[in-house]
Every structure is written in structure tokens, then in C-alpha cells.
Amino acid sequence: MEVNFTIYGEPKGKGRPRFNTKTGHAITPKDTVNYETLVHMEYLNQCGNAKFPDDAMLDMRIKAYYSIPKSKSKKQQNLMREGIARPIKKPDMDNCIKIIADALNKIAYRDDTQIVDCQVRKFYSDNPRVEVRILDIKKQVNN
């Protein structure tokens, strides 16, 4: 099984929870909750009710496309479009994975612990977005 879907807009990373010292509860930042909801909705809209088996080992591939800054020179913008100059800015790769993987818990798979292989690649584009591909790695028995 394989699913592919796209989240349109600027890539976001998982925000750090804030702790309420009075109650001792963790509060997830509103931006994180909103983006996780967007990921969830785009998955359902583009992949329907596709859900991986509870025992599946998964491979997640993420391509994050960031907006090309208007402040850069035409030459630099062209290098960005061609994939020669790539983003070395926030959000970090691990936060990109975390926000998407967490948003898909109980939707695309039982739990993100099922993800045994993952790759994140960052690029620039005139069309900011995040492309996600999830594959079921077939169980292989070594003889």
C-alpha cells in the first residue's frame, strides 16, 4: 500500500508545548494545532479512509517546499528554483516530521511508532507546500 498527498502553504514545524505552572498541564501552541488539523483534513480529502494495518512497518518521505524570499537577487532566486540553493532555515527537519507524523496518528496508521524509515528534503518553490508519501514496507524474512 502507498499513499501520497500534499499540504498546500508554507511548511510548519511542531511547536514546543508550553506548561501552565498553576495546573501542571502542557498546552500545545495554537499554530501547531491548526497545522495538524490541516494535515489531517488534507489526508482525508486526498486519501479518503486509507489506513495502514496496525502491524505495518512504514516508510515516510517528505518534501518541504518553502517560499522563495522576494528580498533575494534574481540570480539567487533562480538558483533556489533550480534546487541548487536550498533552505537552511527553520523549521528543522525533525519538527517537520513530528508535526506530520503526529497529525496522522489514528488516521493513516495506528501510531507513528510504525514509521521505521523516514526522509525529509527541503527545497524552495514559487508554490510552497509539503508533499508526503507513505509506503508499507513489506515484511521480509531473512533466510
Protein backbone atom coordinates (compact mmCIF):
# COMPACT_ATOMS: atom_id res chain seq x y z
CA MET A 1 0.00 0.00 0.00
CA GLU A 2 1.14 3.55 -0.72
CA VAL A 3 -0.46 6.97 -0.17
CA ASN A 4 0.56 10.39 -1.48
CA PHE A 5 -0.88 13.74 -0.50
CA THR A 6 0.04 17.43 -0.48
CA ILE A 7 -0.38 20.09 2.19
CA TYR A 8 -0.53 23.48 0.46
CA GLY A 9 1.07 26.52 2.07
CA GLU A 10 4.29 27.26 3.93
CA PRO A 11 5.81 24.24 5.73
CA LYS A 12 5.44 24.32 9.51
CA GLY A 13 7.22 22.53 12.32
CA LYS A 14 5.91 21.17 15.58
CA GLY A 15 5.97 23.86 18.26
CA ARG A 16 7.20 23.16 21.77
CA PRO A 17 4.42 22.72 24.32
CA ARG A 18 4.09 25.41 26.97
CA PHE A 19 3.48 24.40 30.57
CA ASN A 20 0.95 26.03 32.84
CA THR A 21 2.70 26.27 36.20
CA LYS A 22 -0.62 26.52 38.08
CA THR A 23 -2.23 23.41 36.61
CA GLY A 24 0.88 21.50 35.55
CA HIS A 25 -0.72 20.81 32.15
CA ALA A 26 1.05 21.10 28.81
CA ILE A 27 -0.55 23.40 26.25
CA THR A 28 0.10 22.81 22.55
CA PRO A 29 0.65 26.07 20.61
CA LYS A 30 -2.34 27.17 18.50
CA ASP A 31 -0.25 27.24 15.28
CA THR A 32 0.68 23.59 15.82
CA VAL A 33 -2.93 22.54 16.48
CA ASN A 34 -4.10 24.41 13.36
CA TYR A 35 -1.43 22.87 11.11
CA GLU A 36 -2.04 19.35 12.47
CA THR A 37 -5.73 19.85 11.67
CA LEU A 38 -4.80 20.97 8.14
CA VAL A 39 -2.60 17.86 7.65
CA HIS A 40 -5.41 15.66 8.97
CA MET A 41 -8.01 17.24 6.64
CA GLU A 42 -5.77 17.13 3.55
CA TYR A 43 -5.03 13.46 4.20
CA LEU A 44 -8.74 12.64 4.43
CA ASN A 45 -9.59 14.77 1.36
CA GLN A 46 -6.85 13.28 -0.83
CA CYS A 47 -6.52 9.71 0.52
CA GLY A 48 -10.01 9.02 1.86
CA ASN A 49 -10.19 6.39 4.57
CA ALA A 50 -6.92 4.67 3.57
CA LYS A 51 -5.35 3.30 6.75
CA PHE A 52 -2.29 1.10 7.10
CA PRO A 53 -2.58 -2.14 9.10
CA ASP A 54 -1.67 -1.91 12.79
CA ASP A 55 1.39 -4.13 12.28
CA ALA A 56 2.68 -2.38 9.13
CA MET A 57 6.23 -1.04 9.02
CA LEU A 58 6.12 2.34 7.30
CA ASP A 59 8.46 4.48 5.24
CA MET A 60 7.59 8.22 5.21
CA ARG A 61 9.06 10.59 2.61
CA ILE A 62 8.52 14.33 2.99
CA LYS A 63 9.43 17.09 0.54
CA ALA A 64 9.02 20.55 2.04
CA TYR A 65 8.92 23.46 -0.43
CA TYR A 66 9.50 26.90 1.11
CA SER A 67 8.61 30.26 -0.45
CA ILE A 68 11.36 31.99 -2.38
CA PRO A 69 12.20 35.21 -0.49
CA LYS A 70 11.41 38.30 -2.57
CA SER A 71 14.38 40.06 -0.95
CA LYS A 72 16.87 37.78 -2.74
CA SER A 73 18.50 38.77 -6.03
CA LYS A 74 17.11 37.39 -9.31
CA LYS A 75 20.21 35.23 -9.62
CA GLN A 76 19.76 33.80 -6.13
CA GLN A 77 16.02 33.25 -6.76
CA ASN A 78 16.84 31.29 -9.92
CA LEU A 79 19.33 29.12 -8.00
CA MET A 80 16.54 28.43 -5.50
CA ARG A 81 14.07 27.47 -8.25
CA GLU A 82 16.64 25.12 -9.78
CA GLY A 83 17.22 23.39 -6.42
CA ILE A 84 20.86 24.48 -6.29
CA ALA A 85 20.30 26.78 -3.30
CA ARG A 86 18.22 25.02 -0.64
CA PRO A 87 16.70 26.19 2.66
CA ILE A 88 18.91 26.13 5.73
CA LYS A 89 16.29 27.72 7.95
CA LYS A 90 13.57 26.78 10.40
CA PRO A 91 11.58 24.70 10.81
CA ASP A 92 14.10 21.96 11.48
CA MET A 93 13.68 18.64 9.68
CA ASP A 94 12.78 16.79 12.89
CA ASN A 95 9.98 19.25 13.65
CA CYS A 96 8.63 18.86 10.08
CA ILE A 97 8.46 15.10 10.59
CA LYS A 98 6.94 15.38 14.06
CA ILE A 99 4.04 17.65 13.12
CA ILE A 100 3.03 15.47 10.15
CA ALA A 101 3.60 12.11 11.84
CA ASP A 102 1.63 13.15 14.94
CA ALA A 103 -1.24 14.57 12.87
CA LEU A 104 -1.69 11.22 11.11
CA ASN A 105 -1.87 9.08 14.28
CA LYS A 106 -5.11 7.04 14.29
CA ILE A 107 -5.89 8.44 10.80
CA ALA A 108 -3.33 6.94 8.39
CA TYR A 109 -1.88 4.43 10.87
CA ARG A 110 -2.32 3.30 14.47
CA ASP A 111 0.72 5.19 15.77
CA ASP A 112 3.79 6.95 14.35
CA THR A 113 5.96 4.34 16.08
CA GLN A 114 5.18 2.28 12.95
CA ILE A 115 7.43 4.61 10.93
CA VAL A 116 10.74 2.75 10.65
CA ASP A 117 12.28 4.77 7.82
CA CYS A 118 11.91 8.47 7.06
CA GLN A 119 13.40 11.11 4.79
CA VAL A 120 12.86 14.88 4.72
CA ARG A 121 14.11 17.05 1.87
CA LYS A 122 13.85 20.85 1.83
CA PHE A 123 13.58 22.96 -1.32
CA TYR A 124 12.41 26.39 -2.46
CA SER A 125 9.45 26.93 -4.78
CA ASP A 126 7.08 29.57 -6.05
CA ASN A 127 4.35 27.21 -4.80
CA PRO A 128 5.07 26.48 -1.10
CA ARG A 129 3.78 23.09 0.04
CA VAL A 130 4.66 19.81 1.70
CA GLU A 131 4.42 16.58 -0.30
CA VAL A 132 4.06 13.40 1.76
CA ARG A 133 4.44 9.80 0.62
CA ILE A 134 3.89 6.85 2.97
CA LEU A 135 4.75 3.29 1.95
CA ASP A 136 4.11 -0.03 3.65
CA ILE A 137 7.43 -1.86 3.81
CA LYS A 138 6.67 -5.49 3.09
CA LYS A 139 7.79 -7.87 5.81
CA GLN A 140 10.72 -9.89 4.60
CA VAL A 141 12.06 -12.97 6.30
CA ASN A 142 15.84 -13.42 6.14
CA ASN A 143 16.74 -17.00 5.31
